Amino acid sequence: MSGTFVGMPAFPEAAREAVHDTTLRGNLRHATATIRAKRAKAVAEVADWAALREAGKQIKDHTLRHLDRYLVQLEEAVTAAGGTVHWAADADEANRIVADLVKATGESEVVKVKSMATQETGLNEALEAEGIRAYETDLAELIVQLGKDRPSHILVPAIHRNRGEIRDIFRSEMGEWGRPAPDGLTDTPAALAEAARLHLREKFLRAKVGISGANFMVAETGTLVVVESEGNGRMCLTLPETLISVVGIEKIVPTWRDLEVFLQTLPRSSTAERMNPYTSMWTGTSDVDGAATADGPRTFHLVLLDNGRTDTLADEVGRQALRCIRCSACLNVCPVYERAGGHAYGSVYPGPIGAILSPQLRGTRSEIDASLPYASSLCGACYEVCPVAIDIPEVLVHLRERVVQGGVVTERGAKVLLKPAKGHAAERAAMRAARWAFGRPGALRAGQRLASRTRRFHPRTLPGPGKAWSASRELPPVPAEPFRDWWQRTHGGKDGAK
C-alpha cells in the first residue's frame, strides 16, 4: 500500500519498541523542545495570530466546499501558461505518469525537491523500478536517503538522527553517489551542510529533469508555490529543462490574496521564521511568446493527486484534515510523538496529523491504520497550535468510532470486528476510586493533604501492573502543598476552590 512502511506492525507494538530506544528519545526530546520554544516566540510576535488562524481555516473550508470549481480553474490557468495538467486517481497512476514523462525525455536521473506527496506515492521506488535514479536534495531528505532510512518527521525527516550519526552516514555512503565525503569531516552543522552542498552541486548542474511538490497552488493564475530554507528547491525548480510537480488536490487556494494569509502562518508554525528564506513561485513555463527566458523550465507538467482525498472530503468530520498545510507544529507538541517517534506511525505522515490523515487516505481496514486513531492521549495540544484550527482530537474520536464499527482485515485476509477496549483491571479500579473521590470534596481534600505530607515516601515508578505505564516515564512529584491549602493561605478567607 503506497504511503505505508512495508512490514510495519500496528502502532502499539512499534511504539513499545521505540520508547526503549534512549538515543531516539533523547534526539526527539531535544529537537522538539527547541522547535516548540522558537515557534512560540515567533507566533507571539503577531498581534492578530488568532485572526490569521481563523482566516486560514475559513479559506481552506471554502476551497474544499468548491474544490471541483477551483481545480478546473487551476487546470485552465496552468494550460494557458504553457503547462500540462495530468490527473492521478491513486498513487500507482501518479507514479506511472511521472515515470513515463521522465522516460520521454530520455533521461535516467532526476533531482527532487522535498515532497510529501511523492513520499506518499512511493515515487522514488517506482522510478528505480523503471531504471531512473532520483536524488533527494533537501539536506534532511538526503540524510534519510543516504542512510537507507525512513523519514520520521514532516518538516525534519531526519529528526531522529543526531549530528554524530549524520557524519557517519556521510562518511560511509557519499562515495556510492560519486563524490566521497571530505576527509576529516566533523559533525558541526557548517561542515555537514558544506559536505552536502559539494555533494549535490554537480547533480544540480547536470540534471535535465526536476521533480517537486508544492505548498500551494493559486487557482486564479495557475501559480505554484514552494517555500523552503536551504535553496536546494530553487535550484531544482529553475535549472532543469523539464519540471514535474506532483501535488495533492487539496493544496489549492483561490486567489493571491488568500495566499498571503498562509505565507504568514506557515513559516512561523514550521520553522519559526517570519518568512521562509526561499519562496519560489512559477506559472507555467519559461517559454514566453516563443522566447525562452534565462531560467525556469521549458516544459512543465502538473500531476494532480487524489489518492483518497475525495473519499476524505466526503466525511463531514474527517475532511478538516485536508486543511493541513504540513507545518508539523502538531508533532512538536505531541507527547506521544516525542516518545514514540515518527517511524511507529507506519506512514510518511507521522504524529497527530498522520493519525487522522493516513487512516482516511488509506482506509481504517488494516491493523496499522486502525491503530493510529488510538495513538493519542487526546490532550488537545495539537489543536491549540494548528495554524488552520484542525480539531484533531475530534477527528481521532470520530475515527475510533469508525474503526469499532468497521473492524479490520488481518494480513491473512480475515475480517475482525473490534470491540471498545475495557482496559486493565487495575486501571478500571483506579477510575472507580477517582470517581468516588471526586464526588466527595471532603474526602478529596483529606487525600490531597495526606499525599502532600507523605510525599517523601512516594515511589517514582508504579509497582505490579502499573509497571507497564511507568516503564518509560516517571510519576510526577506531588506538590508540597495542595492547591486548596495554597489558595486559602495566599488569598485568605474561605476555601475558594469549589
Protein backbone atom coordinates (compact mmCIF):
# COMPACT_ATOMS: atom_id res chain seq x y z
CA MET A 1 0.00 0.00 0.00
CA SER A 2 1.53 3.35 -1.01
CA GLY A 3 2.48 5.60 1.86
CA THR A 4 2.91 2.65 4.22
CA PHE A 5 6.21 1.42 5.57
CA VAL A 6 6.22 -2.19 4.43
CA GLY A 7 6.26 -4.72 7.24
CA MET A 8 5.47 -2.20 9.97
CA PRO A 9 3.42 -3.53 12.90
CA ALA A 10 0.45 -1.72 14.43
CA PHE A 11 1.26 1.44 16.39
CA PRO A 12 1.21 -0.06 19.94
CA GLU A 13 3.80 -2.66 19.06
CA ALA A 14 6.02 -0.26 17.13
CA ALA A 15 5.79 2.38 19.86
CA ARG A 16 6.62 -0.15 22.57
CA GLU A 17 9.98 -0.78 20.92
CA ALA A 18 10.64 2.89 20.19
CA VAL A 19 10.18 4.13 23.76
CA HIS A 20 13.01 1.88 24.91
CA ASP A 21 15.45 3.46 22.46
CA THR A 22 17.12 6.03 24.71
CA THR A 23 19.12 7.63 21.88
CA LEU A 24 15.98 8.12 19.80
CA ARG A 25 14.07 9.62 22.72
CA GLY A 26 16.95 11.94 23.54
CA ASN A 27 17.19 13.16 19.93
CA LEU A 28 13.45 13.75 19.73
CA ARG A 29 13.19 15.44 23.12
CA HIS A 30 15.96 17.89 22.31
CA ALA A 31 14.73 18.68 18.79
CA THR A 32 11.04 19.08 19.54
CA ALA A 33 11.68 21.20 22.65
CA THR A 34 13.90 23.53 20.63
CA ILE A 35 11.37 23.89 17.81
CA ARG A 36 8.49 24.41 20.25
CA ALA A 37 10.25 27.25 22.02
CA LYS A 38 11.22 29.02 18.79
CA ARG A 39 7.73 28.65 17.33
CA ALA A 40 6.08 30.06 20.46
CA LYS A 41 8.32 33.12 20.29
CA ALA A 42 7.66 33.66 16.58
CA VAL A 43 3.89 33.37 16.96
CA ALA A 44 3.84 35.69 19.98
CA GLU A 45 5.20 38.49 17.76
CA VAL A 46 1.98 38.54 15.73
CA ALA A 47 -0.81 40.50 17.39
CA ASP A 48 -3.51 39.13 15.09
CA TRP A 49 -2.44 35.47 15.13
CA ALA A 50 -5.90 34.27 16.19
CA ALA A 51 -7.46 36.19 13.29
CA LEU A 52 -4.93 34.76 10.83
CA ARG A 53 -5.63 31.27 12.13
CA GLU A 54 -9.38 31.72 11.67
CA ALA A 55 -8.83 33.21 8.20
CA GLY A 56 -6.75 30.20 7.19
CA LYS A 57 -9.45 27.86 8.42
CA GLN A 58 -12.19 29.72 6.54
CA ILE A 59 -10.20 29.88 3.30
CA LYS A 60 -9.47 26.18 3.42
CA ASP A 61 -13.05 25.22 4.23
CA HIS A 62 -14.39 27.42 1.44
CA THR A 63 -11.94 25.92 -1.04
CA LEU A 64 -12.80 22.35 -0.06
CA ARG A 65 -16.52 23.07 -0.47
CA HIS A 66 -15.89 24.30 -4.01
CA LEU A 67 -12.90 22.13 -4.85
CA ASP A 68 -14.29 20.96 -8.18
CA ARG A 69 -14.64 24.51 -9.46
CA TYR A 70 -11.20 25.63 -8.32
CA LEU A 71 -9.50 22.55 -9.78
CA VAL A 72 -10.98 23.29 -13.19
CA GLN A 73 -9.93 26.93 -12.89
CA LEU A 74 -6.41 25.85 -11.95
CA GLU A 75 -6.16 23.46 -14.91
CA GLU A 76 -7.25 26.18 -17.32
CA ALA A 77 -4.75 28.67 -15.90
CA VAL A 78 -1.81 26.22 -15.95
CA THR A 79 -2.64 25.17 -19.51
CA ALA A 80 -2.90 28.79 -20.65
CA ALA A 81 0.56 29.43 -19.17
CA GLY A 82 2.12 26.63 -21.21
CA GLY A 83 1.94 23.79 -18.69
CA THR A 84 0.28 20.38 -18.98
CA VAL A 85 -2.05 19.01 -16.30
CA HIS A 86 -2.41 15.31 -15.54
CA TRP A 87 -4.99 13.76 -13.18
CA ALA A 88 -3.99 10.81 -10.98
CA ALA A 89 -6.68 8.88 -9.14
CA ASP A 90 -4.21 6.99 -6.96
CA ALA A 91 -0.53 6.53 -6.17
CA ASP A 92 0.11 3.95 -8.89
CA GLU A 93 -1.33 6.19 -11.60
CA ALA A 94 0.69 9.18 -10.38
CA ASN A 95 3.91 7.15 -10.39
CA ARG A 96 3.17 5.79 -13.84
CA ILE A 97 2.55 9.28 -15.24
CA VAL A 98 5.80 10.64 -13.78
CA ALA A 99 7.87 7.65 -14.93
CA ASP A 100 6.50 7.95 -18.48
CA LEU A 101 7.23 11.69 -18.55
CA VAL A 102 10.83 11.16 -17.41
CA LYS A 103 11.42 8.34 -19.91
CA ALA A 104 10.04 10.55 -22.68
CA THR A 105 12.92 12.97 -22.05
CA GLY A 106 15.48 10.17 -22.45
CA GLU A 107 16.95 10.92 -19.01
CA SER A 108 17.73 8.36 -16.31
CA GLU A 109 18.34 10.77 -13.42
CA VAL A 110 16.17 13.36 -11.70
CA VAL A 111 16.71 15.81 -8.85
CA LYS A 112 13.93 16.26 -6.32
CA VAL A 113 12.62 19.00 -4.08
CA LYS A 114 11.39 17.77 -0.70
CA SER A 115 7.87 16.48 -1.34
CA MET A 116 5.41 14.74 0.95
CA ALA A 117 3.17 13.82 -1.99
CA THR A 118 5.91 11.83 -3.74
CA GLN A 119 6.78 10.12 -0.46
CA GLU A 120 3.12 9.25 -0.11
CA THR A 121 3.05 7.60 -3.53
CA GLY A 122 6.42 5.89 -3.16
CA LEU A 123 7.70 7.64 -6.28
CA ASN A 124 11.42 7.06 -5.70
CA GLU A 125 10.94 3.31 -5.54
CA ALA A 126 8.67 3.36 -8.59
CA LEU A 127 11.25 5.31 -10.60
CA GLU A 128 14.02 2.97 -9.51
CA ALA A 129 11.99 0.04 -10.82
CA GLU A 130 11.95 1.84 -14.19
CA GLY A 131 15.71 2.39 -14.17
CA ILE A 132 15.53 6.05 -13.11
CA ARG A 133 17.61 7.34 -10.19
CA ALA A 134 16.02 10.06 -8.05
CA TYR A 135 18.35 12.26 -5.97
CA GLU A 136 16.90 13.96 -2.90
CA THR A 137 18.38 17.43 -2.48
CA ASP A 138 16.86 18.59 0.81
CA LEU A 139 19.52 18.10 3.49
CA ALA A 140 17.33 16.05 5.80
CA GLU A 141 15.92 14.01 2.92
CA LEU A 142 19.47 13.42 1.69
CA ILE A 143 20.43 12.09 5.12
CA VAL A 144 17.46 9.71 5.07
CA GLN A 145 18.20 8.55 1.52
CA LEU A 146 21.92 8.02 2.08
CA GLY A 147 21.21 6.19 5.32
CA LYS A 148 18.68 3.90 3.60
CA ASP A 149 16.32 5.10 6.30
CA ARG A 150 12.72 6.31 6.52
CA PRO A 151 11.55 9.87 7.27
CA SER A 152 10.21 10.37 10.78
CA HIS A 153 9.01 13.99 10.73
CA ILE A 154 7.10 16.11 8.22
CA LEU A 155 9.42 19.11 8.36
CA VAL A 156 12.65 17.49 9.60
CA PRO A 157 12.67 13.94 8.17
CA ALA A 158 15.96 13.09 9.92
CA ILE A 159 14.95 14.45 13.32
CA HIS A 160 15.67 11.04 14.85
CA ARG A 161 19.35 11.35 13.92
CA ASN A 162 21.96 13.32 15.84
CA ARG A 163 24.96 15.06 14.29
CA GLY A 164 27.36 12.23 15.01
CA GLU A 165 25.12 9.74 13.25
CA ILE A 166 24.76 12.07 10.26
CA ARG A 167 28.54 12.47 9.99
CA ASP A 168 28.97 8.70 9.97
CA ILE A 169 26.32 8.31 7.25
CA PHE A 170 28.03 10.91 5.05
CA ARG A 171 31.44 9.31 5.54
CA SER A 172 30.26 5.83 4.60
CA GLU A 173 27.64 6.49 1.92
CA MET A 174 28.55 9.57 -0.10
CA GLY A 175 31.15 7.64 -2.09
CA GLU A 176 28.43 5.48 -3.61
CA TRP A 177 26.96 8.62 -5.22
CA GLY A 178 30.21 9.59 -6.94
CA ARG A 179 31.66 12.16 -4.52
CA PRO A 180 33.12 10.93 -1.22
CA ALA A 181 32.71 12.87 1.98
CA PRO A 182 35.53 15.35 2.70
CA ASP A 183 38.50 13.99 4.62
CA GLY A 184 38.26 14.74 8.33
CA LEU A 185 34.55 15.55 8.17
CA THR A 186 33.33 16.75 11.57
CA ASP A 187 29.82 16.80 13.00
CA THR A 188 29.46 20.59 13.12
CA PRO A 189 26.37 21.87 11.27
CA ALA A 190 28.50 24.02 8.96
CA ALA A 191 30.73 21.10 7.98
CA LEU A 192 27.80 18.77 7.33
CA ALA A 193 25.96 21.39 5.27
CA GLU A 194 29.10 22.10 3.21
CA ALA A 195 29.61 18.39 2.55
CA ALA A 196 26.03 18.12 1.29
CA ARG A 197 26.42 21.26 -0.85
CA LEU A 198 29.55 19.98 -2.56
CA HIS A 199 27.97 16.56 -2.99
CA LEU A 200 24.87 17.91 -4.73
CA ARG A 201 26.32 20.77 -6.78
CA GLU A 202 27.30 18.57 -9.71
CA LYS A 203 23.90 16.88 -9.74
CA PHE A 204 22.09 20.23 -9.85
CA LEU A 205 24.14 21.35 -12.84
CA ARG A 206 23.78 18.06 -14.72
CA ALA A 207 20.10 17.26 -14.17
CA LYS A 208 17.69 17.84 -17.04
CA VAL A 209 14.57 16.84 -15.08
CA GLY A 210 13.39 18.15 -11.73
CA ILE A 211 10.55 16.78 -9.60
CA SER A 212 8.76 18.76 -6.91
CA GLY A 213 5.62 19.03 -4.90
CA ALA A 214 4.08 22.36 -3.94
CA ASN A 215 2.98 24.01 -0.73
CA PHE A 216 0.21 25.92 -2.51
CA MET A 217 -1.41 26.29 -5.93
CA VAL A 218 -3.17 29.55 -6.82
CA ALA A 219 -6.27 28.78 -8.87
CA GLU A 220 -6.73 32.22 -10.44
CA THR A 221 -3.29 32.29 -12.10
CA GLY A 222 -2.09 28.67 -12.13
CA THR A 223 0.90 29.62 -9.97
CA LEU A 224 2.64 27.02 -7.82
CA VAL A 225 4.49 27.93 -4.63
CA VAL A 226 7.32 26.15 -2.80
CA VAL A 227 8.68 27.53 0.47
CA GLU A 228 12.00 26.26 1.84
CA SER A 229 15.01 27.23 3.91
CA GLU A 230 18.04 25.88 2.06
CA GLY A 231 17.88 26.95 -1.59
CA ASN A 232 18.02 23.42 -2.97
CA GLY A 233 14.43 23.78 -4.08
CA ARG A 234 15.24 26.93 -6.04
CA MET A 235 17.99 25.01 -7.86
CA CYS A 236 15.67 22.13 -8.74
CA LEU A 237 12.90 24.45 -9.89
CA THR A 238 14.97 26.70 -12.15
CA LEU A 239 17.90 24.71 -13.61
CA PRO A 240 16.27 21.59 -15.18
CA GLU A 241 14.66 21.90 -18.59
CA THR A 242 11.68 19.77 -17.53
CA LEU A 243 9.83 20.20 -14.23
CA ILE A 244 7.23 17.71 -12.98
CA SER A 245 5.21 18.68 -9.89
CA VAL A 246 3.09 16.14 -8.01
CA VAL A 247 0.59 17.92 -5.78
CA GLY A 248 -2.40 16.84 -3.71
CA ILE A 249 -5.67 18.31 -4.94
CA GLU A 250 -6.30 19.95 -1.56
CA LYS A 251 -3.29 22.30 -1.89
CA ILE A 252 -5.32 24.89 -3.83
CA VAL A 253 -6.05 28.42 -2.65
CA PRO A 254 -8.43 30.52 -4.76
CA THR A 255 -6.52 33.81 -5.04
CA TRP A 256 -3.23 35.59 -4.37
CA ARG A 257 -4.93 37.43 -1.54
CA ASP A 258 -5.67 34.08 0.13
CA LEU A 259 -2.06 33.00 -0.28
CA GLU A 260 -0.94 36.00 1.77
CA VAL A 261 -2.50 34.50 4.91
CA PHE A 262 -0.60 31.24 4.64
CA LEU A 263 2.71 32.89 3.84
CA GLN A 264 2.45 34.42 7.32
CA THR A 265 1.25 31.38 9.26
CA LEU A 266 3.24 28.55 7.63
CA PRO A 267 6.79 29.85 8.26
CA ARG A 268 6.10 30.74 11.88
CA SER A 269 4.39 27.41 12.58
CA SER A 270 7.00 25.27 10.87
CA THR A 271 10.49 26.78 11.01
CA ALA A 272 9.64 29.59 13.47
CA GLU A 273 10.70 32.17 10.87
CA ARG A 274 8.91 35.39 9.94
CA MET A 275 9.20 34.29 6.33
CA ASN A 276 10.99 31.47 4.57
CA PRO A 277 14.43 32.32 3.16
CA TYR A 278 13.33 30.95 -0.22
CA THR A 279 9.81 31.36 -1.58
CA SER A 280 9.72 30.13 -5.17
CA MET A 281 6.73 30.79 -7.42
CA TRP A 282 6.29 29.78 -11.04
CA THR A 283 3.47 29.96 -13.55
CA GLY A 284 3.65 27.60 -16.49
CA THR A 285 6.90 27.53 -18.47
CA SER A 286 9.74 29.94 -19.12
CA ASP A 287 8.96 29.99 -22.85
CA VAL A 288 7.20 33.34 -23.27
CA ASP A 289 6.00 34.14 -26.79
CA GLY A 290 8.39 31.56 -28.18
CA ALA A 291 11.46 33.03 -26.47
CA ALA A 292 12.90 31.12 -23.52
CA THR A 293 13.83 33.27 -20.52
CA ALA A 294 17.06 32.90 -18.58
CA ASP A 295 15.79 30.43 -16.01
CA GLY A 296 12.86 28.17 -15.29
CA PRO A 297 11.64 25.02 -17.01
CA ARG A 298 10.84 24.99 -20.70
CA THR A 299 8.44 22.10 -20.11
CA PHE A 300 6.16 21.93 -17.08
CA HIS A 301 3.85 19.10 -16.01
CA LEU A 302 1.46 19.25 -13.06
CA VAL A 303 0.20 15.92 -11.70
CA LEU A 304 -2.88 16.46 -9.51
CA LEU A 305 -3.09 13.66 -6.96
CA ASP A 306 -6.30 12.33 -5.40
CA ASN A 307 -5.22 9.08 -3.66
CA GLY A 308 -8.05 9.02 -1.13
CA ARG A 309 -8.63 12.75 -0.81
CA THR A 310 -12.03 12.69 -2.47
CA ASP A 311 -13.16 9.96 -0.06
CA THR A 312 -11.86 12.04 2.84
CA LEU A 313 -13.73 15.07 1.55
CA ALA A 314 -16.99 13.11 1.79
CA ASP A 315 -16.61 12.76 5.59
CA GLU A 316 -18.09 15.84 7.26
CA VAL A 317 -15.96 15.43 10.39
CA GLY A 318 -12.80 13.96 8.92
CA ARG A 319 -12.50 16.34 5.96
CA GLN A 320 -10.95 19.04 8.12
CA ALA A 321 -7.70 17.04 7.93
CA LEU A 322 -7.45 18.31 4.33
CA ARG A 323 -6.90 21.83 5.67
CA CYS A 324 -3.42 20.74 6.72
CA ILE A 325 -0.58 22.89 5.35
CA ARG A 326 2.11 20.44 6.54
CA CYS A 327 3.70 22.78 9.08
CA SER A 328 4.36 19.93 11.59
CA ALA A 329 3.56 22.10 14.63
CA CYS A 330 1.30 19.35 15.98
CA LEU A 331 4.19 16.85 16.01
CA ASN A 332 6.40 19.13 18.06
CA VAL A 333 3.90 19.47 20.92
CA CYS A 334 2.60 15.89 20.96
CA PRO A 335 3.75 13.86 23.99
CA VAL A 336 3.07 10.61 22.12
CA TYR A 337 5.18 11.57 19.10
CA GLU A 338 8.00 12.85 21.31
CA ARG A 339 8.31 9.43 22.95
CA ALA A 340 7.46 7.08 20.09
CA GLY A 341 8.99 8.93 17.13
CA GLY A 342 7.70 9.06 13.58
CA HIS A 343 8.51 5.54 12.39
CA ALA A 344 5.99 4.00 14.78
CA TYR A 345 3.15 5.54 12.77
CA GLY A 346 3.96 3.41 9.72
CA SER A 347 3.32 6.30 7.35
CA VAL A 348 5.05 9.25 5.74
CA TYR A 349 2.61 11.36 7.77
CA PRO A 350 3.53 10.81 11.43
CA GLY A 351 2.29 12.45 14.60
CA PRO A 352 -1.21 13.76 15.30
CA ILE A 353 -1.95 14.82 11.73
CA GLY A 354 -0.76 11.45 10.48
CA ALA A 355 -3.01 9.69 12.98
CA ILE A 356 -6.05 11.27 11.30
CA LEU A 357 -4.83 11.71 7.72
CA SER A 358 -3.28 8.32 6.97
CA PRO A 359 -6.31 6.24 8.04
CA GLN A 360 -8.55 8.41 5.86
CA LEU A 361 -6.33 8.33 2.78
CA ARG A 362 -5.65 4.60 3.11
CA GLY A 363 -8.76 3.40 4.98
CA THR A 364 -9.05 2.01 8.51
CA ARG A 365 -9.31 -1.63 7.46
CA SER A 366 -5.65 -2.58 8.04
CA GLU A 367 -4.36 -3.20 11.53
CA ILE A 368 -1.83 -0.38 11.40
CA ASP A 369 -4.35 2.21 10.19
CA ALA A 370 -6.97 1.00 12.67
CA SER A 371 -4.45 1.55 15.47
CA LEU A 372 -3.45 5.12 14.52
CA PRO A 373 -6.57 6.91 15.88
CA TYR A 374 -5.63 5.48 19.28
CA ALA A 375 -2.09 6.93 19.11
CA SER A 376 -3.10 9.92 21.21
CA SER A 377 -3.86 10.97 24.75
CA LEU A 378 -6.45 13.48 23.43
CA CYS A 379 -4.67 16.24 25.36
CA GLY A 380 -5.59 18.79 22.68
CA ALA A 381 -2.16 20.41 22.36
CA CYS A 382 -2.17 19.68 18.63
CA TYR A 383 -5.39 21.64 18.13
CA GLU A 384 -4.05 24.62 20.07
CA VAL A 385 -1.02 25.06 17.80
CA CYS A 386 -2.62 24.18 14.45
CA PRO A 387 -2.49 27.29 12.21
CA VAL A 388 -5.67 26.22 10.39
CA ALA A 389 -7.53 25.08 13.52
CA ILE A 390 -7.90 21.38 12.68
CA ASP A 391 -9.68 19.80 15.66
CA ILE A 392 -7.50 16.70 15.66
CA PRO A 393 -8.94 15.25 18.91
CA GLU A 394 -12.45 15.46 17.44
CA VAL A 395 -11.37 13.59 14.31
CA LEU A 396 -9.49 11.00 16.37
CA VAL A 397 -12.60 10.15 18.35
CA HIS A 398 -14.63 10.06 15.13
CA LEU A 399 -12.17 7.64 13.53
CA ARG A 400 -12.17 5.43 16.62
CA GLU A 401 -15.89 5.04 16.15
CA ARG A 402 -15.34 4.06 12.51
CA VAL A 403 -12.71 1.50 13.49
CA VAL A 404 -15.00 -0.13 16.05
CA GLN A 405 -17.92 -0.21 13.61
CA GLY A 406 -15.97 -1.42 10.58
CA GLY A 407 -13.37 -3.76 12.04
CA VAL A 408 -10.05 -4.55 10.41
CA VAL A 409 -8.74 -7.04 7.88
CA THR A 410 -5.72 -9.01 9.06
CA GLU A 411 -2.73 -9.85 6.88
CA ARG A 412 -4.32 -13.24 6.15
CA GLY A 413 -7.43 -11.52 4.81
CA ALA A 414 -9.74 -12.30 7.73
CA LYS A 415 -12.07 -9.55 8.91
CA VAL A 416 -12.08 -8.98 12.64
CA LEU A 417 -14.72 -6.82 14.31
CA LEU A 418 -13.31 -4.74 17.13
CA LYS A 419 -14.85 -4.00 20.47
CA PRO A 420 -14.06 -1.00 22.65
CA ALA A 421 -11.18 -1.86 24.95
CA LYS A 422 -12.23 -2.33 28.56
CA GLY A 423 -8.77 -1.58 29.90
CA HIS A 424 -6.74 -3.33 32.57
CA ALA A 425 -8.49 -4.34 35.80
CA ALA A 426 -6.16 -2.11 37.82
CA GLU A 427 -6.97 0.84 35.55
CA ARG A 428 -10.70 0.30 35.95
CA ALA A 429 -10.28 0.11 39.75
CA ALA A 430 -8.32 3.38 39.73
CA MET A 431 -11.03 5.09 37.70
CA ARG A 432 -13.73 3.90 40.09
CA ALA A 433 -11.71 5.22 43.06
CA ALA A 434 -11.23 8.57 41.31
CA ARG A 435 -14.95 8.85 40.59
CA TRP A 436 -15.75 8.15 44.26
CA ALA A 437 -13.20 10.73 45.50
CA PHE A 438 -14.20 13.48 43.05
CA GLY A 439 -17.80 13.08 44.17
CA ARG A 440 -16.84 13.72 47.83
CA PRO A 441 -14.98 17.03 48.27
CA GLY A 442 -14.14 16.36 51.92
CA ALA A 443 -12.54 13.01 51.14
CA LEU A 444 -10.65 14.52 48.19
CA ARG A 445 -9.30 17.35 50.37
CA ALA A 446 -8.14 14.93 53.04
CA GLY A 447 -6.49 12.68 50.46
CA GLN A 448 -4.62 15.59 48.89
CA ARG A 449 -3.26 16.74 52.25
CA LEU A 450 -2.21 13.21 53.16
CA ALA A 451 -0.43 12.80 49.82
CA SER A 452 1.47 16.08 50.29
CA ARG A 453 2.58 15.23 53.84
CA THR A 454 3.86 11.80 52.80
CA ARG A 455 5.42 12.91 49.51
CA ARG A 456 8.94 11.94 50.57
CA PHE A 457 7.92 8.31 50.69
CA HIS A 458 6.23 8.17 47.29
CA PRO A 459 7.87 5.98 44.62
CA ARG A 460 8.76 7.43 41.22
CA THR A 461 7.54 4.29 39.43
CA LEU A 462 4.49 2.08 39.89
CA PRO A 463 4.59 -1.49 41.17
CA GLY A 464 2.71 -4.51 39.82
CA PRO A 465 0.51 -3.85 36.77
CA GLY A 466 1.48 -0.19 36.93
CA LYS A 467 4.97 -1.05 35.67
CA ALA A 468 3.64 -1.03 32.11
CA TRP A 469 2.77 2.66 32.49
CA SER A 470 5.90 3.81 34.29
CA ALA A 471 8.36 1.75 32.25
CA SER A 472 9.04 4.78 30.04
CA ARG A 473 8.10 7.65 32.35
CA GLU A 474 8.32 8.68 36.00
CA LEU A 475 5.44 9.69 38.22
CA PRO A 476 5.24 13.46 38.64
CA PRO A 477 6.26 14.63 42.12
CA VAL A 478 3.41 15.50 44.50
CA PRO A 479 3.38 19.23 45.38
CA ALA A 480 4.42 20.17 48.88
CA GLU A 481 1.04 21.83 49.38
CA PRO A 482 -2.41 21.07 47.90
CA PHE A 483 -3.96 23.76 45.71
CA ARG A 484 -6.82 24.33 48.15
CA ASP A 485 -4.43 24.99 51.03
CA TRP A 486 -2.30 27.29 48.82
CA TRP A 487 -5.41 29.23 47.82
CA GLN A 488 -6.52 29.72 51.43
CA ARG A 489 -3.03 30.74 52.51
CA THR A 490 -2.45 33.24 49.69
CA HIS A 491 -5.99 34.62 49.33
CA GLY A 492 -7.28 34.20 52.87
CA GLY A 493 -10.87 33.54 53.95
CA LYS A 494 -12.90 30.53 52.95
CA ASP A 495 -11.92 27.84 50.52
CA GLY A 496 -12.48 29.40 47.13
CA ALA A 497 -11.65 26.30 45.09
CA LYS A 498 -15.06 24.70 44.69
